[in-house]
Amino acid sequence: PSPGSRQPSGDSEEALRSEIEELKQRDLALDREIAQLLSEGYSLEELEKHISLLHEYNDIKDAGQMLLGKLAVIRGVTTKQLYPEYDLELSD
């Protein structure tokens, strides 16, 4: 039988059910959070814009981290050692 045609074992099926339940709970929590923000006067468009900007920020930060990592390899140092040189905090 192909891998896709096998039935999941009881343990893996239970793990999947548990994961599905956790995702449903997370979805409900996010819906409540969105409802609260809307009640505080935020608009969906504004929330979507903030989410979009956060994604863009994370993409740029990831690219920066990748470049710092490559530079660290070239120089034979750790990324952490480069932070002071570029006025970065470890929490950045």
PDB file of N, CA and C in Angstrom:
ATOM      1  N   PRO A   1       0.828  -1.209   0.000  1.00  0.00           N
ATOM      2  CA  PRO A   1       0.000   0.000   0.000  1.00  0.00           C
ATOM      3  C   PRO A   1       0.860   1.255   0.000  1.00  0.00           C
ATOM      4  N   SER A   2       0.372   2.307  -0.657  1.00  0.00           N
ATOM      5  CA  SER A   2       1.111   3.567  -0.694  1.00  0.00           C
ATOM      6  C   SER A   2       0.979   4.272   0.647  1.00  0.00           C
ATOM      7  N   PRO A   3       1.900   5.179   0.961  1.00  0.00           N
ATOM      8  CA  PRO A   3       1.854   5.876   2.252  1.00  0.00           C
ATOM      9  C   PRO A   3       0.538   6.618   2.467  1.00  0.00           C
ATOM     10  N   GLY A   4      -0.048   7.174   1.421  1.00  0.00           N
ATOM     11  CA  GLY A   4      -1.287   7.920   1.570  1.00  0.00           C
ATOM     12  C   GLY A   4      -2.494   7.049   1.825  1.00  0.00           C
ATOM     13  N   SER A   5      -2.386   5.733   1.525  1.00  0.00           N
ATOM     14  CA  SER A   5      -3.545   4.868   1.684  1.00  0.00           C
ATOM     15  C   SER A   5      -3.580   4.173   3.031  1.00  0.00           C
ATOM     16  N   ARG A   6      -2.517   4.296   3.821  1.00  0.00           N
ATOM     17  CA  ARG A   6      -2.506   3.665   5.132  1.00  0.00           C
ATOM     18  C   ARG A   6      -3.416   4.398   6.094  1.00  0.00           C
ATOM     19  N   GLN A   7      -4.040   3.656   6.968  1.00  0.00           N
ATOM     20  CA  GLN A   7      -4.880   4.245   8.005  1.00  0.00           C
ATOM     21  C   GLN A   7      -3.989   4.675   9.161  1.00  0.00           C
ATOM     22  N   PRO A   8      -4.269   5.829   9.756  1.00  0.00           N
ATOM     23  CA  PRO A   8      -3.445   6.252  10.882  1.00  0.00           C
ATOM     24  C   PRO A   8      -3.659   5.317  12.066  1.00  0.00           C
ATOM     25  N   SER A   9      -2.610   5.128  12.861  1.00  0.00           N
ATOM     26  CA  SER A   9      -2.741   4.306  14.058  1.00  0.00           C
ATOM     27  C   SER A   9      -3.601   5.052  15.065  1.00  0.00           C
ATOM     28  N   GLY A  10      -4.037   4.340  16.079  1.00  0.00           N
ATOM     29  CA  GLY A  10      -4.881   4.968  17.102  1.00  0.00           C
ATOM     30  C   GLY A  10      -4.204   6.144  17.759  1.00  0.00           C
ATOM     31  N   ASP A  11      -2.888   6.003  18.028  1.00  0.00           N
ATOM     32  CA  ASP A  11      -2.149   7.092  18.676  1.00  0.00           C
ATOM     33  C   ASP A  11      -2.056   8.315  17.779  1.00  0.00           C
ATOM     34  N   SER A  12      -1.702   8.088  16.495  1.00  0.00           N
ATOM     35  CA  SER A  12      -1.554   9.230  15.605  1.00  0.00           C
ATOM     36  C   SER A  12      -2.914   9.850  15.300  1.00  0.00           C
ATOM     37  N   GLU A  13      -3.945   9.048  15.241  1.00  0.00           N
ATOM     38  CA  GLU A  13      -5.289   9.593  15.010  1.00  0.00           C
ATOM     39  C   GLU A  13      -5.718  10.448  16.194  1.00  0.00           C
ATOM     40  N   GLU A  14      -5.413   9.989  17.406  1.00  0.00           N
ATOM     41  CA  GLU A  14      -5.747  10.766  18.597  1.00  0.00           C
ATOM     42  C   GLU A  14      -4.938  12.064  18.639  1.00  0.00           C
ATOM     43  N   ALA A  15      -3.672  11.986  18.225  1.00  0.00           N
ATOM     44  CA  ALA A  15      -2.840  13.188  18.178  1.00  0.00           C
ATOM     45  C   ALA A  15      -3.413  14.187  17.179  1.00  0.00           C
ATOM     46  N   LEU A  16      -3.885  13.696  16.041  1.00  0.00           N
ATOM     47  CA  LEU A  16      -4.491  14.581  15.043  1.00  0.00           C
ATOM     48  C   LEU A  16      -5.770  15.215  15.584  1.00  0.00           C
ATOM     49  N   ARG A  17      -6.585  14.415  16.257  1.00  0.00           N
ATOM     50  CA  ARG A  17      -7.822  14.953  16.853  1.00  0.00           C
ATOM     51  C   ARG A  17      -7.494  16.036  17.886  1.00  0.00           C
ATOM     52  N   SER A  18      -6.467  15.780  18.679  1.00  0.00           N
ATOM     53  CA  SER A  18      -6.050  16.754  19.687  1.00  0.00           C
ATOM     54  C   SER A  18      -5.560  18.038  19.024  1.00  0.00           C
ATOM     55  N   GLU A  19      -4.773  17.891  17.963  1.00  0.00           N
ATOM     56  CA  GLU A  19      -4.266  19.066  17.256  1.00  0.00           C
ATOM     57  C   GLU A  19      -5.409  19.855  16.625  1.00  0.00           C
ATOM     58  N   ILE A  20      -6.370  19.158  16.058  1.00  0.00           N
ATOM     59  CA  ILE A  20      -7.538  19.822  15.462  1.00  0.00           C
ATOM     60  C   ILE A  20      -8.299  20.597  16.534  1.00  0.00           C
ATOM     61  N   GLU A  21      -8.466  19.986  17.702  1.00  0.00           N
ATOM     62  CA  GLU A  21      -9.179  20.659  18.792  1.00  0.00           C
ATOM     63  C   GLU A  21      -8.414  21.902  19.251  1.00  0.00           C
ATOM     64  N   GLU A  22      -7.089  21.781  19.348  1.00  0.00           N
ATOM     65  CA  GLU A  22      -6.279  22.940  19.733  1.00  0.00           C
ATOM     66  C   GLU A  22      -6.410  24.066  18.706  1.00  0.00           C
ATOM     67  N   LEU A  23      -6.412  23.715  17.423  1.00  0.00           N
ATOM     68  CA  LEU A  23      -6.560  24.720  16.368  1.00  0.00           C
ATOM     69  C   LEU A  23      -7.940  25.378  16.428  1.00  0.00           C
ATOM     70  N   LYS A  24      -8.963  24.599  16.727  1.00  0.00           N
ATOM     71  CA  LYS A  24     -10.311  25.165  16.860  1.00  0.00           C
ATOM     72  C   LYS A  24     -10.355  26.153  18.023  1.00  0.00           C
ATOM     73  N   GLN A  25      -9.713  25.782  19.141  1.00  0.00           N
ATOM     74  CA  GLN A  25      -9.686  26.678  20.295  1.00  0.00           C
ATOM     75  C   GLN A  25      -8.908  27.952  19.980  1.00  0.00           C
ATOM     76  N   ARG A  26      -7.825  27.816  19.255  1.00  0.00           N
ATOM     77  CA  ARG A  26      -7.032  28.991  18.863  1.00  0.00           C
ATOM     78  C   ARG A  26      -7.844  29.891  17.934  1.00  0.00           C
ATOM     79  N   ASP A  27      -8.591  29.275  17.023  1.00  0.00           N
ATOM     80  CA  ASP A  27      -9.445  30.028  16.109  1.00  0.00           C
ATOM     81  C   ASP A  27     -10.496  30.819  16.888  1.00  0.00           C
ATOM     82  N   LEU A  28     -11.114  30.175  17.875  1.00  0.00           N
ATOM     83  CA  LEU A  28     -12.109  30.868  18.706  1.00  0.00           C
ATOM     84  C   LEU A  28     -11.473  32.017  19.482  1.00  0.00           C
ATOM     85  N   ALA A  29     -10.286  31.783  20.020  1.00  0.00           N
ATOM     86  CA  ALA A  29      -9.598  32.833  20.772  1.00  0.00           C
ATOM     87  C   ALA A  29      -9.272  34.019  19.868  1.00  0.00           C
ATOM     88  N   LEU A  30      -8.841  33.740  18.646  1.00  0.00           N
ATOM     89  CA  LEU A  30      -8.547  34.830  17.706  1.00  0.00           C
ATOM     90  C   LEU A  30      -9.823  35.573  17.317  1.00  0.00           C
ATOM     91  N   ASP A  31     -10.906  34.849  17.127  1.00  0.00           N
ATOM     92  CA  ASP A  31     -12.182  35.499  16.825  1.00  0.00           C
ATOM     93  C   ASP A  31     -12.600  36.428  17.964  1.00  0.00           C
ATOM     94  N   ARG A  32     -12.411  35.980  19.217  1.00  0.00           N
ATOM     95  CA  ARG A  32     -12.745  36.828  20.368  1.00  0.00           C
ATOM     96  C   ARG A  32     -11.841  38.060  20.398  1.00  0.00           C
ATOM     97  N   GLU A  33     -10.568  37.873  20.105  1.00  0.00           N
ATOM     98  CA  GLU A  33      -9.628  38.992  20.104  1.00  0.00           C
ATOM     99  C   GLU A  33     -10.002  40.010  19.021  1.00  0.00           C
ATOM    100  N   ILE A  34     -10.357  39.527  17.852  1.00  0.00           N
ATOM    101  CA  ILE A  34     -10.777  40.410  16.765  1.00  0.00           C
ATOM    102  C   ILE A  34     -12.035  41.169  17.167  1.00  0.00           C
ATOM    103  N   ALA A  35     -12.997  40.469  17.764  1.00  0.00           N
ATOM    104  CA  ALA A  35     -14.235  41.117  18.200  1.00  0.00           C
ATOM    105  C   ALA A  35     -13.945  42.198  19.225  1.00  0.00           C
ATOM    106  N   GLN A  36     -13.007  41.939  20.137  1.00  0.00           N
ATOM    107  CA  GLN A  36     -12.653  42.937  21.138  1.00  0.00           C
ATOM    108  C   GLN A  36     -12.027  44.160  20.479  1.00  0.00           C
ATOM    109  N   LEU A  37     -11.113  43.936  19.538  1.00  0.00           N
ATOM    110  CA  LEU A  37     -10.483  45.063  18.846  1.00  0.00           C
ATOM    111  C   LEU A  37     -11.508  45.871  18.064  1.00  0.00           C
ATOM    112  N   LEU A  38     -12.438  45.191  17.430  1.00  0.00           N
ATOM    113  CA  LEU A  38     -13.495  45.897  16.695  1.00  0.00           C
ATOM    114  C   LEU A  38     -14.342  46.724  17.648  1.00  0.00           C
ATOM    115  N   SER A  39     -14.638  46.169  18.825  1.00  0.00           N
ATOM    116  CA  SER A  39     -15.445  46.906  19.806  1.00  0.00           C
ATOM    117  C   SER A  39     -14.697  48.114  20.354  1.00  0.00           C
ATOM    118  N   GLU A  40     -13.361  48.075  20.277  1.00  0.00           N
ATOM    119  CA  GLU A  40     -12.542  49.204  20.739  1.00  0.00           C
ATOM    120  C   GLU A  40     -12.370  50.263  19.657  1.00  0.00           C
ATOM    121  N   GLY A  41     -12.995  50.045  18.509  1.00  0.00           N
ATOM    122  CA  GLY A  41     -12.979  51.057  17.469  1.00  0.00           C
ATOM    123  C   GLY A  41     -12.039  50.803  16.310  1.00  0.00           C
ATOM    124  N   TYR A  42     -11.326  49.691  16.314  1.00  0.00           N
ATOM    125  CA  TYR A  42     -10.459  49.374  15.192  1.00  0.00           C
ATOM    126  C   TYR A  42     -11.305  48.847  14.041  1.00  0.00           C
ATOM    127  N   SER A  43     -10.882  49.131  12.827  1.00  0.00           N
ATOM    128  CA  SER A  43     -11.594  48.609  11.663  1.00  0.00           C
ATOM    129  C   SER A  43     -10.855  47.389  11.125  1.00  0.00           C
ATOM    130  N   LEU A  44     -11.575  46.557  10.391  1.00  0.00           N
ATOM    131  CA  LEU A  44     -10.941  45.381   9.793  1.00  0.00           C
ATOM    132  C   LEU A  44      -9.819  45.787   8.851  1.00  0.00           C
ATOM    133  N   GLU A  45     -10.034  46.858   8.103  1.00  0.00           N
ATOM    134  CA  GLU A  45      -9.007  47.323   7.175  1.00  0.00           C
ATOM    135  C   GLU A  45      -7.736  47.717   7.919  1.00  0.00           C
ATOM    136  N   GLU A  46      -7.924  48.396   9.056  1.00  0.00           N
ATOM    137  CA  GLU A  46      -6.776  48.815   9.856  1.00  0.00           C
ATOM    138  C   GLU A  46      -6.044  47.596  10.410  1.00  0.00           C
ATOM    139  N   LEU A  47      -6.805  46.619  10.903  1.00  0.00           N
ATOM    140  CA  LEU A  47      -6.191  45.406  11.429  1.00  0.00           C
ATOM    141  C   LEU A  47      -5.446  44.664  10.334  1.00  0.00           C
ATOM    142  N   GLU A  48      -6.047  44.564   9.152  1.00  0.00           N
ATOM    143  CA  GLU A  48      -5.401  43.889   8.030  1.00  0.00           C
ATOM    144  C   GLU A  48      -4.124  44.616   7.617  1.00  0.00           C
ATOM    145  N   LYS A  49      -4.139  45.938   7.671  1.00  0.00           N
ATOM    146  CA  LYS A  49      -2.951  46.725   7.333  1.00  0.00           C
ATOM    147  C   LYS A  49      -1.836  46.452   8.340  1.00  0.00           C
ATOM    148  N   HIS A  50      -2.189  46.406   9.636  1.00  0.00           N
ATOM    149  CA  HIS A  50      -1.191  46.117  10.664  1.00  0.00           C
ATOM    150  C   HIS A  50      -0.602  44.722  10.475  1.00  0.00           C
ATOM    151  N   ILE A  51      -1.448  43.759  10.170  1.00  0.00           N
ATOM    152  CA  ILE A  51      -0.976  42.394   9.943  1.00  0.00           C
ATOM    153  C   ILE A  51      -0.036  42.365   8.743  1.00  0.00           C
ATOM    154  N   SER A  52      -0.421  43.057   7.680  1.00  0.00           N
ATOM    155  CA  SER A  52       0.416  43.119   6.481  1.00  0.00           C
ATOM    156  C   SER A  52       1.771  43.750   6.796  1.00  0.00           C
ATOM    157  N   LEU A  53       1.760  44.827   7.569  1.00  0.00           N
ATOM    158  CA  LEU A  53       3.013  45.487   7.941  1.00  0.00           C
ATOM    159  C   LEU A  53       3.871  44.589   8.829  1.00  0.00           C
ATOM    160  N   LEU A  54       3.242  43.824   9.726  1.00  0.00           N
ATOM    161  CA  LEU A  54       3.999  42.897  10.559  1.00  0.00           C
ATOM    162  C   LEU A  54       4.653  41.804   9.723  1.00  0.00           C
ATOM    163  N   HIS A  55       3.926  41.297   8.721  1.00  0.00           N
ATOM    164  CA  HIS A  55       4.514  40.297   7.822  1.00  0.00           C
ATOM    165  C   HIS A  55       5.710  40.881   7.073  1.00  0.00           C
ATOM    166  N   GLU A  56       5.553  42.111   6.588  1.00  0.00           N
ATOM    167  CA  GLU A  56       6.646  42.765   5.865  1.00  0.00           C
ATOM    168  C   GLU A  56       7.850  42.963   6.783  1.00  0.00           C
ATOM    169  N   TYR A  57       7.586  43.424   8.007  1.00  0.00           N
ATOM    170  CA  TYR A  57       8.657  43.613   8.995  1.00  0.00           C
ATOM    171  C   TYR A  57       9.389  42.295   9.246  1.00  0.00           C
ATOM    172  N   ASN A  58       8.624  41.214   9.447  1.00  0.00           N
ATOM    173  CA  ASN A  58       9.242  39.919   9.718  1.00  0.00           C
ATOM    174  C   ASN A  58      10.077  39.430   8.537  1.00  0.00           C
ATOM    175  N   ASP A  59       9.588  39.666   7.318  1.00  0.00           N
ATOM    176  CA  ASP A  59      10.357  39.278   6.126  1.00  0.00           C
ATOM    177  C   ASP A  59      11.674  40.040   6.058  1.00  0.00           C
ATOM    178  N   ILE A  60      11.615  41.341   6.332  1.00  0.00           N
ATOM    179  CA  ILE A  60      12.824  42.170   6.301  1.00  0.00           C
ATOM    180  C   ILE A  60      13.782  41.751   7.416  1.00  0.00           C
ATOM    181  N   LYS A  61      13.237  41.498   8.595  1.00  0.00           N
ATOM    182  CA  LYS A  61      14.072  41.065   9.725  1.00  0.00           C
ATOM    183  C   LYS A  61      14.738  39.732   9.405  1.00  0.00           C
ATOM    184  N   ASP A  62      13.988  38.796   8.815  1.00  0.00           N
ATOM    185  CA  ASP A  62      14.563  37.504   8.436  1.00  0.00           C
ATOM    186  C   ASP A  62      15.705  37.677   7.436  1.00  0.00           C
ATOM    187  N   ALA A  63      15.519  38.570   6.467  1.00  0.00           N
ATOM    188  CA  ALA A  63      16.568  38.827   5.475  1.00  0.00           C
ATOM    189  C   ALA A  63      17.800  39.417   6.161  1.00  0.00           C
ATOM    190  N   GLY A  64      17.585  40.330   7.082  1.00  0.00           N
ATOM    191  CA  GLY A  64      18.698  40.918   7.825  1.00  0.00           C
ATOM    192  C   GLY A  64      19.439  39.879   8.649  1.00  0.00           C
ATOM    193  N   GLN A  65      18.702  39.006   9.295  1.00  0.00           N
ATOM    194  CA  GLN A  65      19.326  37.939  10.081  1.00  0.00           C
ATOM    195  C   GLN A  65      20.142  37.005   9.185  1.00  0.00           C
ATOM    196  N   MET A  66      19.606  36.715   8.004  1.00  0.00           N
ATOM    197  CA  MET A  66      20.314  35.857   7.063  1.00  0.00           C
ATOM    198  C   MET A  66      21.629  36.519   6.630  1.00  0.00           C
ATOM    199  N   LEU A  67      21.564  37.821   6.329  1.00  0.00           N
ATOM    200  CA  LEU A  67      22.776  38.538   5.924  1.00  0.00           C
ATOM    201  C   LEU A  67      23.802  38.600   7.054  1.00  0.00           C
ATOM    202  N   LEU A  68      23.329  38.847   8.281  1.00  0.00           N
ATOM    203  CA  LEU A  68      24.243  38.852   9.419  1.00  0.00           C
ATOM    204  C   LEU A  68      24.892  37.478   9.592  1.00  0.00           C
ATOM    205  N   GLY A  69      24.108  36.435   9.402  1.00  0.00           N
ATOM    206  CA  GLY A  69      24.642  35.082   9.516  1.00  0.00           C
ATOM    207  C   GLY A  69      25.719  34.807   8.484  1.00  0.00           C
ATOM    208  N   LYS A  70      25.471  35.223   7.246  1.00  0.00           N
ATOM    209  CA  LYS A  70      26.467  35.016   6.184  1.00  0.00           C
ATOM    210  C   LYS A  70      27.725  35.831   6.462  1.00  0.00           C
ATOM    211  N   LEU A  71      27.552  37.061   6.915  1.00  0.00           N
ATOM    212  CA  LEU A  71      28.707  37.900   7.249  1.00  0.00           C
ATOM    213  C   LEU A  71      29.503  37.291   8.393  1.00  0.00           C
ATOM    214  N   ALA A  72      28.799  36.750   9.377  1.00  0.00           N
ATOM    215  CA  ALA A  72      29.483  36.116  10.507  1.00  0.00           C
ATOM    216  C   ALA A  72      30.315  34.928  10.037  1.00  0.00           C
ATOM    217  N   VAL A  73      29.768  34.138   9.116  1.00  0.00           N
ATOM    218  CA  VAL A  73      30.515  32.993   8.582  1.00  0.00           C
ATOM    219  C   VAL A  73      31.757  33.469   7.848  1.00  0.00           C
ATOM    220  N   ILE A  74      31.598  34.499   7.032  1.00  0.00           N
ATOM    221  CA  ILE A  74      32.741  35.028   6.267  1.00  0.00           C
ATOM    222  C   ILE A  74      33.838  35.520   7.213  1.00  0.00           C
ATOM    223  N   ARG A  75      33.431  36.198   8.283  1.00  0.00           N
ATOM    224  CA  ARG A  75      34.414  36.742   9.222  1.00  0.00           C
ATOM    225  C   ARG A  75      34.891  35.713  10.244  1.00  0.00           C
ATOM    226  N   GLY A  76      34.192  34.585  10.331  1.00  0.00           N
ATOM    227  CA  GLY A  76      34.577  33.556  11.297  1.00  0.00           C
ATOM    228  C   GLY A  76      34.224  33.916  12.726  1.00  0.00           C
ATOM    229  N   VAL A  77      33.119  34.640  12.885  1.00  0.00           N
ATOM    230  CA  VAL A  77      32.650  35.026  14.218  1.00  0.00           C
ATOM    231  C   VAL A  77      31.200  34.576  14.360  1.00  0.00           C
ATOM    232  N   THR A  78      30.648  34.780  15.545  1.00  0.00           N
ATOM    233  CA  THR A  78      29.233  34.473  15.739  1.00  0.00           C
ATOM    234  C   THR A  78      28.398  35.689  15.347  1.00  0.00           C
ATOM    235  N   THR A  79      27.155  35.446  15.044  1.00  0.00           N
ATOM    236  CA  THR A  79      26.240  36.552  14.729  1.00  0.00           C
ATOM    237  C   THR A  79      26.159  37.510  15.909  1.00  0.00           C
ATOM    238  N   LYS A  80      26.124  36.954  17.107  1.00  0.00           N
ATOM    239  CA  LYS A  80      26.037  37.756  18.330  1.00  0.00           C
ATOM    240  C   LYS A  80      27.186  38.752  18.424  1.00  0.00           C
ATOM    241  N   GLN A  81      28.359  38.354  17.948  1.00  0.00           N
ATOM    242  CA  GLN A  81      29.521  39.241  18.008  1.00  0.00           C
ATOM    243  C   GLN A  81      29.388  40.428  17.051  1.00  0.00           C
ATOM    244  N   LEU A  82      28.542  40.318  16.046  1.00  0.00           N
ATOM    245  CA  LEU A  82      28.353  41.418  15.090  1.00  0.00           C
ATOM    246  C   LEU A  82      27.376  42.479  15.597  1.00  0.00           C
ATOM    247  N   TYR A  83      26.529  42.118  16.538  1.00  0.00           N
ATOM    248  CA  TYR A  83      25.485  43.041  16.987  1.00  0.00           C
ATOM    249  C   TYR A  83      26.015  44.400  17.441  1.00  0.00           C
ATOM    250  N   PRO A  84      27.039  44.454  18.302  1.00  0.00           N
ATOM    251  CA  PRO A  84      27.530  45.778  18.726  1.00  0.00           C
ATOM    252  C   PRO A  84      28.044  46.626  17.562  1.00  0.00           C
ATOM    253  N   GLU A  85      28.660  45.977  16.592  1.00  0.00           N
ATOM    254  CA  GLU A  85      29.215  46.697  15.445  1.00  0.00           C
ATOM    255  C   GLU A  85      28.128  47.454  14.677  1.00  0.00           C
ATOM    256  N   TYR A  86      26.918  46.905  14.680  1.00  0.00           N
ATOM    257  CA  TYR A  86      25.812  47.521  13.942  1.00  0.00           C
ATOM    258  C   TYR A  86      24.756  48.144  14.872  1.00  0.00           C
ATOM    259  N   ASP A  87      25.171  48.395  16.121  1.00  0.00           N
ATOM    260  CA  ASP A  87      24.285  49.012  17.129  1.00  0.00           C
ATOM    261  C   ASP A  87      22.967  48.252  17.274  1.00  0.00           C
ATOM    262  N   LEU A  88      23.045  46.927  17.293  1.00  0.00           N
ATOM    263  CA  LEU A  88      21.861  46.103  17.472  1.00  0.00           C
ATOM    264  C   LEU A  88      21.821  45.554  18.885  1.00  0.00           C
ATOM    265  N   GLU A  89      20.618  45.421  19.415  1.00  0.00           N
ATOM    266  CA  GLU A  89      20.413  44.789  20.707  1.00  0.00           C
ATOM    267  C   GLU A  89      20.161  43.307  20.466  1.00  0.00           C
ATOM    268  N   LEU A  90      20.475  42.470  21.429  1.00  0.00           N
ATOM    269  CA  LEU A  90      20.232  41.037  21.272  1.00  0.00           C
ATOM    270  C   LEU A  90      18.748  40.745  21.095  1.00  0.00           C
ATOM    271  N   SER A  91      17.898  41.632  21.574  1.00  0.00           N
ATOM    272  CA  SER A  91      16.452  41.424  21.442  1.00  0.00           C
ATOM    273  C   SER A  91      15.945  41.853  20.068  1.00  0.00           C
ATOM    274  N   ASP A  92      16.796  42.475  19.234  1.00  0.00           N
ATOM    275  CA  ASP A  92      16.398  42.919  17.893  1.00  0.00           C
ATOM    276  C   ASP A  92      16.195  41.741  16.972  1.00  0.00           C
TER     277      ASP A  92
END
